[in-house]
Amino acid sequence: KILKDKGATPTDLEEEVAKALFDIEVSPSSDIKADIRDIYISSAQELEVKNRLALVVHVPFRVWKTVRKIQGRLIRELEKKFNKK
């Protein structure tokens, strides 16, 4: 679920996001699992915004069309997974 440049190793946060995407994909109750199968990330980072942490996930342009189609539902699912942060 992570596509990095040659030789670049993913960070722990990127591993967590990729695992969350995989969990959403294999969960039986997910209604976006067919669309999420084609999605992968290029990077992820945390930013502090108004004393809260925001998670920024970068996706390659090739998969942006798919992400846009399910963006609202995907964000809700990722918020459930990362609500502790």
C-alpha atoms as a PDB file:
ATOM      1  CA  LYS A   1       0.000   0.000   0.000  1.00  0.00           C
ATOM      2  CA  ILE A   2       3.081   2.301   0.043  1.00  0.00           C
ATOM      3  CA  LEU A   3       4.856   3.404  -3.105  1.00  0.00           C
ATOM      4  CA  LYS A   4       8.212   5.079  -2.351  1.00  0.00           C
ATOM      5  CA  ASP A   5      11.210   6.047  -4.443  1.00  0.00           C
ATOM      6  CA  LYS A   6      13.869   3.385  -4.885  1.00  0.00           C
ATOM      7  CA  GLY A   7      15.838   2.890  -1.695  1.00  0.00           C
ATOM      8  CA  ALA A   8      13.534   5.039   0.454  1.00  0.00           C
ATOM      9  CA  THR A   9      12.194   3.290   3.524  1.00  0.00           C
ATOM     10  CA  PRO A  10       8.709   4.115   4.838  1.00  0.00           C
ATOM     11  CA  THR A  11       8.367   5.824   8.208  1.00  0.00           C
ATOM     12  CA  ASP A  12       6.410   4.332  11.101  1.00  0.00           C
ATOM     13  CA  LEU A  13       3.507   6.693  10.420  1.00  0.00           C
ATOM     14  CA  GLU A  14       3.366   5.641   6.764  1.00  0.00           C
ATOM     15  CA  GLU A  15       3.360   2.001   7.858  1.00  0.00           C
ATOM     16  CA  GLU A  16       0.445   2.739  10.215  1.00  0.00           C
ATOM     17  CA  VAL A  17      -1.564   4.471   7.473  1.00  0.00           C
ATOM     18  CA  ALA A  18      -0.895   1.608   5.040  1.00  0.00           C
ATOM     19  CA  LYS A  19      -1.999  -0.900   7.683  1.00  0.00           C
ATOM     20  CA  ALA A  20      -5.176   1.128   8.320  1.00  0.00           C
ATOM     21  CA  LEU A  21      -5.949   1.158   4.581  1.00  0.00           C
ATOM     22  CA  PHE A  22      -5.408  -2.590   4.440  1.00  0.00           C
ATOM     23  CA  ASP A  23      -7.658  -3.117   7.491  1.00  0.00           C
ATOM     24  CA  ILE A  24     -10.426  -1.083   5.830  1.00  0.00           C
ATOM     25  CA  GLU A  25      -9.975  -3.125   2.644  1.00  0.00           C
ATOM     26  CA  VAL A  26     -10.331  -6.511   4.360  1.00  0.00           C
ATOM     27  CA  SER A  27     -13.063  -5.583   6.829  1.00  0.00           C
ATOM     28  CA  PRO A  28     -16.334  -7.284   5.908  1.00  0.00           C
ATOM     29  CA  SER A  29     -18.498  -4.302   6.888  1.00  0.00           C
ATOM     30  CA  SER A  30     -16.681  -1.745   4.719  1.00  0.00           C
ATOM     31  CA  ASP A  31     -18.661  -0.416   1.762  1.00  0.00           C
ATOM     32  CA  ILE A  32     -15.590   1.077   0.052  1.00  0.00           C
ATOM     33  CA  LYS A  33     -13.406  -2.036   0.025  1.00  0.00           C
ATOM     34  CA  ALA A  34     -13.681  -2.529  -3.754  1.00  0.00           C
ATOM     35  CA  ASP A  35     -12.477   1.021  -4.441  1.00  0.00           C
ATOM     36  CA  ILE A  36      -9.795   1.052  -1.768  1.00  0.00           C
ATOM     37  CA  ARG A  37      -8.093  -1.969  -3.323  1.00  0.00           C
ATOM     38  CA  ASP A  38      -6.565   0.293  -6.011  1.00  0.00           C
ATOM     39  CA  ILE A  39      -5.392   3.006  -3.600  1.00  0.00           C
ATOM     40  CA  TYR A  40      -1.836   3.336  -2.352  1.00  0.00           C
ATOM     41  CA  ILE A  41       0.046   6.179  -0.669  1.00  0.00           C
ATOM     42  CA  SER A  42       3.330   7.896  -1.438  1.00  0.00           C
ATOM     43  CA  SER A  43       3.882   9.516   1.965  1.00  0.00           C
ATOM     44  CA  ALA A  44       2.215  10.614   5.195  1.00  0.00           C
ATOM     45  CA  GLN A  45       3.038  13.224   7.801  1.00  0.00           C
ATOM     46  CA  GLU A  46       1.594  14.745  10.948  1.00  0.00           C
ATOM     47  CA  LEU A  47       1.130  18.486  11.324  1.00  0.00           C
ATOM     48  CA  GLU A  48       0.121  20.450  14.386  1.00  0.00           C
ATOM     49  CA  VAL A  49      -2.822  22.727  13.667  1.00  0.00           C
ATOM     50  CA  LYS A  50      -4.313  24.815  16.480  1.00  0.00           C
ATOM     51  CA  ASN A  51      -2.926  22.517  19.203  1.00  0.00           C
ATOM     52  CA  ARG A  52      -4.285  19.404  17.447  1.00  0.00           C
ATOM     53  CA  LEU A  53      -2.563  16.906  15.200  1.00  0.00           C
ATOM     54  CA  ALA A  54      -3.601  16.600  11.575  1.00  0.00           C
ATOM     55  CA  LEU A  55      -2.620  13.631   9.451  1.00  0.00           C
ATOM     56  CA  VAL A  56      -1.689  14.490   5.851  1.00  0.00           C
ATOM     57  CA  VAL A  57      -1.664  11.537   3.443  1.00  0.00           C
ATOM     58  CA  HIS A  58      -0.150  11.996  -0.018  1.00  0.00           C
ATOM     59  CA  VAL A  59      -1.428   9.820  -2.866  1.00  0.00           C
ATOM     60  CA  PRO A  60       0.006   9.613  -6.403  1.00  0.00           C
ATOM     61  CA  PHE A  61      -1.901  11.441  -9.120  1.00  0.00           C
ATOM     62  CA  ARG A  62      -2.743   8.154 -10.847  1.00  0.00           C
ATOM     63  CA  VAL A  63      -5.004   7.088  -7.975  1.00  0.00           C
ATOM     64  CA  TRP A  64      -6.418  10.537  -7.176  1.00  0.00           C
ATOM     65  CA  LYS A  65      -9.542   9.943  -9.271  1.00  0.00           C
ATOM     66  CA  THR A  66     -10.413   6.875  -7.184  1.00  0.00           C
ATOM     67  CA  VAL A  67      -9.612   8.669  -3.921  1.00  0.00           C
ATOM     68  CA  ARG A  68     -11.842  11.601  -4.847  1.00  0.00           C
ATOM     69  CA  LYS A  69     -14.734   9.242  -5.489  1.00  0.00           C
ATOM     70  CA  ILE A  70     -14.609   7.793  -1.939  1.00  0.00           C
ATOM     71  CA  GLN A  71     -12.873  10.658  -0.119  1.00  0.00           C
ATOM     72  CA  GLY A  72     -15.594  11.409   2.434  1.00  0.00           C
ATOM     73  CA  ARG A  73     -16.086   7.802   3.501  1.00  0.00           C
ATOM     74  CA  LEU A  74     -12.311   7.161   3.494  1.00  0.00           C
ATOM     75  CA  ILE A  75     -11.666  10.136   5.771  1.00  0.00           C
ATOM     76  CA  ARG A  76     -14.342   8.936   8.224  1.00  0.00           C
ATOM     77  CA  GLU A  77     -12.799   5.459   8.315  1.00  0.00           C
ATOM     78  CA  LEU A  78      -9.281   6.846   8.841  1.00  0.00           C
ATOM     79  CA  GLU A  79     -10.553   9.165  11.591  1.00  0.00           C
ATOM     80  CA  LYS A  80     -11.947   6.111  13.408  1.00  0.00           C
ATOM     81  CA  LYS A  81      -8.547   4.409  13.173  1.00  0.00           C
ATOM     82  CA  PHE A  82      -6.502   7.479  14.196  1.00  0.00           C
ATOM     83  CA  ASN A  83      -8.862   9.207  16.644  1.00  0.00           C
ATOM     84  CA  LYS A  84      -6.372   8.692  19.471  1.00  0.00           C
ATOM     85  CA  LYS A  85      -3.865  11.016  17.767  1.00  0.00           C
END
